[in-house]
């Protein structure tokens, strides 16, 4: 038995389509405030998930936590985060996505605040596990909201803005939270960040985009139907290969700058912040540029895939340059890497939003991110073993460059035509044609 993918008569929504929304999609303006709030939420998301690594030296000494226990705490977030990616899409596509996002946000903010008052390894571990559960809803919810309310020719900008907020999170966390922890200690910072973040919730409840009474949650396709789509497995593979360099930079960039390039801690922080700023700017600009050409009549598939090809080829060149760079050239190669990663990251969810459509975007992206985040389990550990074995980053960076090329190949050649899947469900009158021997 197999699921027939019926041909679509159009490859992208037009600016006037309602997508079950009260919003006027001919103008991006009405969605400006909700989009801004989504960008703020993803920035806070990445500050909250990274603040434990910043506090690690202070926390380890105060609570008497061993290095192995600290390693467990730092990885525990990904245990629940990755597992819940496979589950949260089921809720997002069947319940009000705005409230699912708000509930997850509330959980991860409270987990951050409570971390500042707990004592002992067990309670810290529990808060990291809760943080992973709360944050798991973020990107599937973003994709569901954008697929429902934003037309194809504006999704590049919207997704680029969210990626830019994601990349600015480590900058804000490293510079802002790091300075505050040095001055006031780690506990007040966790409590303050967690409680102040709650201000976002009433703003979201007031500004969140409203869907019409007849929503796209009806007739949501099964997981098995999504798994039958070749394009899904292409986005899952592309997501894994894309996440590998992302987690490499998040976990190993500071050590690379200090160990390989002999930078002081102050210089390391400044250079890492510059890298993330360049990465974010490239993602934001790429989203705007791809939308510009789509509005001018260029097919969405050509625009999105061209950005992927350019971005991941550039990133691969940058990583290779970093592998042999010295004190005079490493910064140039690092900035090239940032530009490439920003370009390549900008459209990852735009692909999935178009392919899955409003019906299945939350479920599709949740499953895709579940497979993609396995790179967070494999990549950092593999890099650590290689650096221990060789004493330098050359081989690890070369492997990361190769993974970047695999990412580009997945998005450009394996996804196929970038057009919405025609889902057939039990409510669909065409069900009789859905299953054949």
Protein backbone atom coordinates (compact mmCIF):
# COMPACT_ATOMS: atom_id res chain seq x y z
CA UNK A 1 0.00 0.00 0.00
CA UNK A 2 1.21 3.49 -0.74
CA UNK A 3 -0.05 7.05 -0.45
CA UNK A 4 -0.65 8.82 -3.74
CA UNK A 5 0.74 12.35 -3.92
CA UNK A 6 -1.79 14.15 -6.11
CA UNK A 7 -0.46 16.87 -8.42
CA UNK A 8 -0.83 20.38 -7.17
CA UNK A 9 -2.19 23.06 -9.50
CA UNK A 10 -0.04 25.75 -7.98
CA UNK A 11 3.32 25.73 -6.29
CA UNK A 12 2.84 28.59 -3.87
CA UNK A 13 0.02 30.53 -2.23
CA UNK A 14 -0.85 33.85 -3.71
CA UNK A 15 -0.79 37.05 -1.74
CA UNK A 16 -4.56 37.18 -1.53
CA UNK A 17 -5.21 33.75 -0.10
CA UNK A 18 -6.66 33.74 3.38
CA UNK A 19 -5.26 30.45 4.73
CA UNK A 20 -8.11 30.47 7.27
CA UNK A 21 -6.87 33.70 8.75
CA UNK A 22 -8.48 37.06 9.47
CA UNK A 23 -5.20 38.69 8.46
CA UNK A 24 -4.86 40.50 5.12
CA UNK A 25 -2.01 38.55 3.55
CA UNK A 26 -1.56 41.14 0.83
CA UNK A 27 0.34 43.14 3.39
CA UNK A 28 2.99 41.90 5.77
CA UNK A 29 2.29 44.75 8.18
CA UNK A 30 -0.46 43.12 10.30
CA UNK A 31 1.88 40.25 11.16
CA UNK A 32 4.76 42.54 12.16
CA UNK A 33 4.05 42.50 15.91
CA UNK A 34 3.43 38.73 16.18
CA UNK A 35 6.60 38.12 14.14
CA UNK A 36 8.59 40.44 16.41
CA UNK A 37 7.32 38.54 19.45
CA UNK A 38 8.29 35.22 17.87
CA UNK A 39 11.81 36.57 17.26
CA UNK A 40 12.02 37.74 20.89
CA UNK A 41 10.84 34.33 22.11
CA UNK A 42 13.50 32.43 20.13
CA UNK A 43 16.20 34.79 21.39
CA UNK A 44 15.09 34.11 24.98
CA UNK A 45 14.92 30.40 24.11
CA UNK A 46 18.60 30.32 23.20
CA UNK A 47 19.63 32.47 26.16
CA UNK A 48 17.87 30.08 28.53
CA UNK A 49 19.30 26.91 27.03
CA UNK A 50 22.86 28.29 27.06
CA UNK A 51 23.01 30.05 30.41
CA UNK A 52 24.02 26.92 32.35
CA UNK A 53 27.25 26.62 30.36
CA UNK A 54 28.04 30.25 31.18
CA UNK A 55 27.33 29.65 34.89
CA UNK A 56 29.18 26.32 34.97
CA UNK A 57 32.43 27.53 36.64
CA UNK A 58 30.49 29.34 39.41
CA UNK A 59 27.87 26.63 39.86
CA UNK A 60 30.41 23.80 39.95
CA UNK A 61 32.35 25.36 42.80
CA UNK A 62 29.36 26.42 44.89
CA UNK A 63 27.44 23.14 44.72
CA UNK A 64 30.43 20.79 44.63
CA UNK A 65 29.37 19.21 41.33
CA UNK A 66 31.89 16.96 39.61
CA UNK A 67 32.92 17.38 35.98
CA UNK A 68 30.99 14.26 35.00
CA UNK A 69 27.86 15.53 36.74
CA UNK A 70 28.27 18.87 34.97
CA UNK A 71 28.48 17.05 31.65
CA UNK A 72 25.23 15.25 32.42
CA UNK A 73 23.53 18.54 33.28
CA UNK A 74 24.71 20.18 30.05
CA UNK A 75 23.48 17.27 27.92
CA UNK A 76 20.23 16.60 29.83
CA UNK A 77 18.45 19.40 28.01
CA UNK A 78 18.82 17.51 24.71
CA UNK A 79 17.41 14.28 26.17
CA UNK A 80 13.89 15.64 26.60
CA UNK A 81 14.19 18.27 23.86
CA UNK A 82 15.01 15.71 21.17
CA UNK A 83 12.47 13.09 22.31
CA UNK A 84 9.69 15.67 22.59
CA UNK A 85 10.33 16.86 19.03
CA UNK A 86 8.83 13.57 17.87
CA UNK A 87 5.76 14.10 20.08
CA UNK A 88 4.94 17.82 20.23
CA UNK A 89 3.85 18.08 16.59
CA UNK A 90 0.89 15.82 17.40
CA UNK A 91 -0.44 18.43 19.85
CA UNK A 92 0.46 21.44 17.72
CA UNK A 93 -1.58 20.25 14.73
CA UNK A 94 -4.64 19.35 16.83
CA UNK A 95 -4.85 22.18 19.38
CA UNK A 96 -4.58 25.97 19.28
CA UNK A 97 -0.94 26.50 18.27
CA UNK A 98 -0.82 29.92 19.93
CA UNK A 99 -1.68 28.44 23.31
CA UNK A 100 0.64 25.47 22.88
CA UNK A 101 3.48 27.94 22.27
CA UNK A 102 2.45 30.02 25.29
CA UNK A 103 2.30 26.90 27.51
CA UNK A 104 5.75 25.75 26.42
CA UNK A 105 7.14 29.25 26.92
CA UNK A 106 5.67 29.41 30.44
CA UNK A 107 7.21 26.04 31.33
CA UNK A 108 10.71 26.90 30.08
CA UNK A 109 10.66 30.34 31.76
CA UNK A 110 9.63 28.87 35.11
CA UNK A 111 12.25 26.13 34.77
CA UNK A 112 14.88 28.83 34.25
CA UNK A 113 13.71 30.85 37.26
CA UNK A 114 13.50 27.82 39.59
CA UNK A 115 17.03 26.77 38.57
CA UNK A 116 18.27 29.82 40.44
CA UNK A 117 16.89 28.65 43.79
CA UNK A 118 17.51 24.89 43.77
CA UNK A 119 20.31 23.12 45.59
CA UNK A 120 21.88 19.89 44.52
CA UNK A 121 22.40 17.87 41.40
CA UNK A 122 19.01 16.11 41.29
CA UNK A 123 16.93 19.30 41.25
CA UNK A 124 19.21 20.93 38.69
CA UNK A 125 18.81 17.86 36.49
CA UNK A 126 15.02 18.03 36.83
CA UNK A 127 14.98 21.70 35.78
CA UNK A 128 17.13 20.98 32.71
CA UNK A 129 14.77 18.17 31.70
CA UNK A 130 11.76 20.48 32.11
CA UNK A 131 13.55 23.18 30.12
CA UNK A 132 13.95 20.73 27.24
CA UNK A 133 10.26 19.80 27.35
CA UNK A 134 9.16 23.44 27.31
CA UNK A 135 11.49 24.56 24.54
CA UNK A 136 10.63 21.60 22.31
CA UNK A 137 7.42 23.28 21.11
CA UNK A 138 9.11 26.44 19.81
CA UNK A 139 10.16 25.71 16.22
CA UNK A 140 7.23 23.42 15.31
CA UNK A 141 4.89 26.17 16.58
CA UNK A 142 6.74 28.86 14.63
CA UNK A 143 6.38 26.82 11.44
CA UNK A 144 2.69 26.13 12.04
CA UNK A 145 2.03 29.84 12.60
CA UNK A 146 4.01 30.98 9.57
CA UNK A 147 2.52 28.31 7.31
CA UNK A 148 -0.97 29.41 8.33
CA UNK A 149 -0.57 33.19 8.26
CA UNK A 150 2.34 34.13 5.98
CA UNK A 151 2.34 33.65 2.17
CA UNK A 152 5.22 32.03 0.32
CA UNK A 153 6.66 35.31 -0.90
CA UNK A 154 7.07 36.59 2.69
CA UNK A 155 8.24 33.44 4.46
CA UNK A 156 11.92 33.97 3.64
CA UNK A 157 11.97 37.23 5.59
CA UNK A 158 9.93 35.79 8.47
CA UNK A 159 12.09 32.66 8.79
CA UNK A 160 15.28 34.69 8.33
CA UNK A 161 14.23 36.97 11.19
CA UNK A 162 13.59 33.97 13.46
CA UNK A 163 16.98 32.44 12.56
CA UNK A 164 18.62 35.82 13.25
CA UNK A 165 16.98 35.88 16.70
CA UNK A 166 18.21 32.32 17.28
CA UNK A 167 21.79 33.29 16.40
CA UNK A 168 21.65 36.44 18.57
CA UNK A 169 20.69 34.36 21.61
CA UNK A 170 24.27 33.16 22.27
CA UNK A 171 25.52 36.75 21.84
CA UNK A 172 23.07 38.13 24.40
CA UNK A 173 23.67 35.19 26.72
CA UNK A 174 27.45 35.38 26.54
CA UNK A 175 27.79 39.15 26.81
CA UNK A 176 24.74 40.05 28.91
CA UNK A 177 24.23 37.10 31.24
CA UNK A 178 27.99 36.53 31.55
CA UNK A 179 28.61 40.08 32.77
CA UNK A 180 25.66 39.96 35.18
CA UNK A 181 26.77 36.62 36.63
CA UNK A 182 30.27 37.96 37.19
CA UNK A 183 28.82 40.90 39.11
CA UNK A 184 25.81 39.45 40.95
CA UNK A 185 26.31 35.66 40.89
CA UNK A 186 24.50 33.02 38.89
CA UNK A 187 21.41 32.59 41.08
CA UNK A 188 19.95 36.12 40.71
CA UNK A 189 20.54 35.99 36.96
CA UNK A 190 18.61 32.74 36.51
CA UNK A 191 15.72 33.99 38.65
CA UNK A 192 15.70 37.42 37.01
CA UNK A 193 15.88 36.16 33.43
CA UNK A 194 13.18 33.56 34.05
CA UNK A 195 10.73 35.96 35.72
CA UNK A 196 11.35 38.92 33.39
CA UNK A 197 10.76 36.63 30.43
CA UNK A 198 7.17 36.14 31.60
CA UNK A 199 6.38 39.68 30.39
CA UNK A 200 6.31 38.16 26.90
CA UNK A 201 3.21 36.07 27.67
CA UNK A 202 0.54 38.80 28.03
CA UNK A 203 2.01 40.55 24.99
CA UNK A 204 1.65 37.34 22.97
CA UNK A 205 -1.90 36.65 24.17
CA UNK A 206 -2.87 40.15 23.03
CA UNK A 207 -1.06 40.11 19.67
CA UNK A 208 -1.15 36.45 18.57
CA UNK A 209 -2.73 35.96 15.14
CA UNK A 210 -6.25 34.61 15.26
CA UNK A 211 -7.41 31.78 13.03
CA UNK A 212 -10.90 31.54 11.63
CA UNK A 213 -13.40 29.13 13.11
CA UNK A 214 -12.74 26.53 10.41
CA UNK A 215 -9.14 25.71 11.10
CA UNK A 216 -6.65 23.51 9.32
CA UNK A 217 -6.47 21.13 12.27
CA UNK A 218 -9.29 19.15 10.65
CA UNK A 219 -8.02 16.26 8.58
CA UNK A 220 -4.46 16.42 9.86
CA UNK A 221 -2.43 13.67 8.15
CA UNK A 222 -1.04 10.78 10.15
CA UNK A 223 2.63 10.43 10.99
CA UNK A 224 2.75 7.39 8.72
CA UNK A 225 1.58 9.54 5.81
CA UNK A 226 4.35 12.05 6.47
CA UNK A 227 6.90 9.24 6.63
CA UNK A 228 5.79 8.08 3.17
CA UNK A 229 6.94 11.36 1.63
CA UNK A 230 10.43 11.30 0.13
CA UNK A 231 10.59 15.05 0.61
CA UNK A 232 10.20 14.60 4.37
CA UNK A 233 13.22 12.31 4.60
CA UNK A 234 15.18 14.76 2.46
CA UNK A 235 14.39 17.62 4.88
CA UNK A 236 15.20 15.37 7.85
CA UNK A 237 18.60 14.50 6.34
CA UNK A 238 19.19 18.13 5.41
CA UNK A 239 18.25 19.17 8.95
CA UNK A 240 20.72 16.72 10.47
CA UNK A 241 23.56 17.88 8.21
CA UNK A 242 22.60 21.50 8.89
CA UNK A 243 22.48 21.02 12.67
CA UNK A 244 25.93 19.40 12.77
CA UNK A 245 27.86 22.65 11.99
CA UNK A 246 25.42 24.62 14.15
CA UNK A 247 26.16 22.49 17.22
CA UNK A 248 29.85 22.43 16.36
CA UNK A 249 29.97 26.22 16.61
CA UNK A 250 27.74 26.43 19.69
CA UNK A 251 29.77 23.87 21.65
CA UNK A 252 33.32 24.16 20.31
CA UNK A 253 33.85 27.68 18.91
CA UNK A 254 35.07 29.17 22.23
CA UNK A 255 37.52 26.30 22.79
CA UNK A 256 38.76 26.51 19.18
CA UNK A 257 39.49 30.22 19.55
CA UNK A 258 41.31 29.79 22.86
CA UNK A 259 43.10 26.50 22.16
CA UNK A 260 43.86 26.76 18.45
CA UNK A 261 44.22 30.53 17.99
CA UNK A 262 45.55 31.33 21.47
CA UNK A 263 43.03 34.10 22.21
CA UNK A 264 42.43 35.48 25.68
CA UNK A 265 38.99 35.02 27.21
CA UNK A 266 38.05 38.65 26.47
CA UNK A 267 39.15 38.37 22.85
CA UNK A 268 37.38 35.04 22.52
CA UNK A 269 34.07 36.49 23.69
CA UNK A 270 34.35 39.42 21.27
CA UNK A 271 35.25 37.25 18.27
CA UNK A 272 32.52 34.70 19.04
CA UNK A 273 29.96 37.50 19.37
CA UNK A 274 31.12 38.96 16.04
CA UNK A 275 30.72 35.54 14.38
CA UNK A 276 27.13 35.17 15.60
CA UNK A 277 26.30 38.74 14.57
CA UNK A 278 27.54 38.07 11.02
CA UNK A 279 25.66 34.77 10.95
CA UNK A 280 22.43 36.47 12.06
CA UNK A 281 22.79 39.35 9.58
CA UNK A 282 23.38 36.91 6.69
CA UNK A 283 20.26 34.90 7.60
CA UNK A 284 18.12 38.02 7.85
CA UNK A 285 19.38 39.45 4.55
CA UNK A 286 19.00 36.13 2.71
CA UNK A 287 15.38 35.78 3.79
CA UNK A 288 14.60 39.26 2.45
CA UNK A 289 16.45 38.67 -0.84
CA UNK A 290 14.76 35.34 -1.59
CA UNK A 291 11.35 36.90 -0.95
CA UNK A 292 12.25 39.79 -3.26
CA UNK A 293 12.97 37.45 -6.16
CA UNK A 294 9.91 35.30 -5.47
CA UNK A 295 7.72 38.41 -5.65
CA UNK A 296 9.41 39.22 -8.96
CA UNK A 297 8.26 35.87 -10.35
CA UNK A 298 11.14 33.51 -9.59
CA UNK A 299 9.94 30.05 -8.56
CA UNK A 300 10.15 29.53 -4.80
CA UNK A 301 12.05 26.27 -5.27
CA UNK A 302 14.76 27.94 -7.34
CA UNK A 303 15.13 30.84 -4.89
CA UNK A 304 15.25 28.66 -1.76
CA UNK A 305 17.54 26.00 -3.26
CA UNK A 306 19.94 28.60 -4.70
CA UNK A 307 20.37 30.06 -1.21
CA UNK A 308 21.05 26.59 0.20
CA UNK A 309 23.63 25.81 -2.50
CA UNK A 310 25.42 29.14 -2.05
CA UNK A 311 25.26 29.06 1.75
CA UNK A 312 26.54 25.56 2.42
CA UNK A 313 29.24 25.74 -0.24
CA UNK A 314 30.47 29.00 1.32
CA UNK A 315 30.31 27.48 4.81
CA UNK A 316 32.31 24.44 3.67
CA UNK A 317 35.01 26.72 2.23
CA UNK A 318 35.06 28.70 5.48
CA UNK A 319 35.44 25.62 7.68
CA UNK A 320 38.26 24.32 5.49
CA UNK A 321 39.97 27.69 5.73
CA UNK A 322 39.65 27.68 9.51
CA UNK A 323 41.24 24.22 9.67
CA UNK A 324 44.61 25.57 8.52
CA UNK A 325 44.29 29.26 9.44
CA UNK A 326 46.85 31.06 11.58
CA UNK A 327 46.61 34.21 13.72
CA UNK A 328 46.56 36.51 10.68
CA UNK A 329 43.85 34.73 8.69
CA UNK A 330 41.53 32.84 11.06
CA UNK A 331 39.14 35.79 11.53
CA UNK A 332 38.58 36.17 7.78
CA UNK A 333 37.80 32.47 7.39
CA UNK A 334 35.58 32.55 10.48
CA UNK A 335 33.54 35.42 9.03
CA UNK A 336 33.20 33.55 5.71
CA UNK A 337 31.90 30.59 7.69
CA UNK A 338 29.40 32.84 9.46
CA UNK A 339 28.11 34.25 6.18
CA UNK A 340 27.71 30.76 4.71
CA UNK A 341 25.96 29.31 7.75
CA UNK A 342 23.62 32.31 7.93
CA UNK A 343 22.65 31.99 4.27
CA UNK A 344 22.17 28.23 4.60
CA UNK A 345 20.15 28.38 7.83
CA UNK A 346 17.75 31.07 6.63
CA UNK A 347 15.37 28.84 4.68
CA UNK A 348 15.30 25.52 6.52
CA UNK A 349 11.74 25.91 7.83
CA UNK A 350 10.47 27.68 4.71
CA UNK A 351 10.97 24.37 2.87
CA UNK A 352 8.95 22.44 5.46
CA UNK A 353 6.20 25.06 5.71
CA UNK A 354 5.64 24.94 1.96
CA UNK A 355 5.79 21.15 1.68
CA UNK A 356 3.63 20.35 4.72
CA UNK A 357 1.19 23.25 4.47
CA UNK A 358 -0.87 24.56 7.40
CA UNK A 359 -2.42 21.11 7.97
CA UNK A 360 0.81 19.32 8.88
CA UNK A 361 3.50 21.97 9.44
CA UNK A 362 3.74 21.47 13.21
CA UNK A 363 3.90 17.69 12.99
CA UNK A 364 6.33 17.70 10.02
CA UNK A 365 8.74 20.19 11.62
CA UNK A 366 8.61 18.42 14.98
CA UNK A 367 9.58 15.11 13.40
CA UNK A 368 12.19 16.78 11.20
CA UNK A 369 13.76 18.54 14.18
CA UNK A 370 13.76 15.30 16.14
CA UNK A 371 16.01 13.67 13.57
CA UNK A 372 18.03 16.87 13.10
CA UNK A 373 18.84 17.18 16.80
CA UNK A 374 20.52 13.80 16.78
CA UNK A 375 23.42 15.83 15.37
CA UNK A 376 23.66 17.42 18.82
CA UNK A 377 24.28 13.96 20.26
CA UNK A 378 26.81 12.87 17.63
CA UNK A 379 28.65 16.01 16.57
CA UNK A 380 30.05 17.54 19.78
CA UNK A 381 31.15 14.13 21.12
CA UNK A 382 32.82 13.14 17.84
CA UNK A 383 34.65 16.46 17.71
CA UNK A 384 35.89 15.98 21.27
CA UNK A 385 37.28 12.52 20.51
CA UNK A 386 39.01 13.80 17.35
CA UNK A 387 40.58 16.78 19.13
CA UNK A 388 41.80 14.52 21.94
CA UNK A 389 43.23 12.06 19.40
CA UNK A 390 44.96 14.57 17.10
CA UNK A 391 45.61 17.46 19.48
CA UNK A 392 44.12 20.03 17.07
CA UNK A 393 40.95 20.91 15.14
CA UNK A 394 42.07 20.31 11.55
CA UNK A 395 40.35 16.95 10.99
CA UNK A 396 37.26 17.97 12.97
CA UNK A 397 36.86 21.13 10.87
CA UNK A 398 37.41 19.20 7.63
CA UNK A 399 34.66 16.74 8.63
CA UNK A 400 32.34 19.65 9.41
CA UNK A 401 33.09 21.13 5.97
CA UNK A 402 32.12 17.83 4.36
CA UNK A 403 28.88 17.75 6.35
CA UNK A 404 28.07 21.26 5.06
CA UNK A 405 28.35 19.98 1.49
CA UNK A 406 26.03 17.06 2.36
CA UNK A 407 23.54 19.59 3.71
CA UNK A 408 23.56 21.51 0.45
CA UNK A 409 23.14 18.30 -1.57
CA UNK A 410 20.17 17.22 0.57
CA UNK A 411 18.27 20.49 0.19
CA UNK A 412 19.06 21.07 -3.48
CA UNK A 413 18.86 17.59 -5.01
CA UNK A 414 16.94 15.29 -2.65
CA UNK A 415 13.94 17.42 -1.70
CA UNK A 416 12.50 17.41 -5.21
CA UNK A 417 9.99 20.00 -6.36
CA UNK A 418 9.16 22.55 -3.68
CA UNK A 419 5.37 22.39 -3.78
CA UNK A 420 2.69 21.53 -1.20
CA UNK A 421 1.92 17.89 -0.57
CA UNK A 422 -1.75 17.09 -1.23
CA UNK A 423 -2.79 15.30 1.94
CA UNK A 424 -5.58 12.73 1.74
CA UNK A 425 -7.34 11.91 5.02
CA UNK A 426 -10.39 10.02 6.18
CA UNK A 427 -12.50 13.16 5.73
CA UNK A 428 -11.36 13.65 2.14
CA UNK A 429 -13.84 12.58 -0.61
CA UNK A 430 -10.83 11.51 -2.70
CA UNK A 431 -9.90 8.86 -0.12
CA UNK A 432 -11.05 6.14 -2.49
CA UNK A 433 -8.07 6.99 -4.70
CA UNK A 434 -5.61 7.25 -1.83
CA UNK A 435 -4.73 3.62 -1.31
CA UNK A 436 -3.90 1.13 -4.06
CA UNK A 437 -2.50 -2.42 -3.90
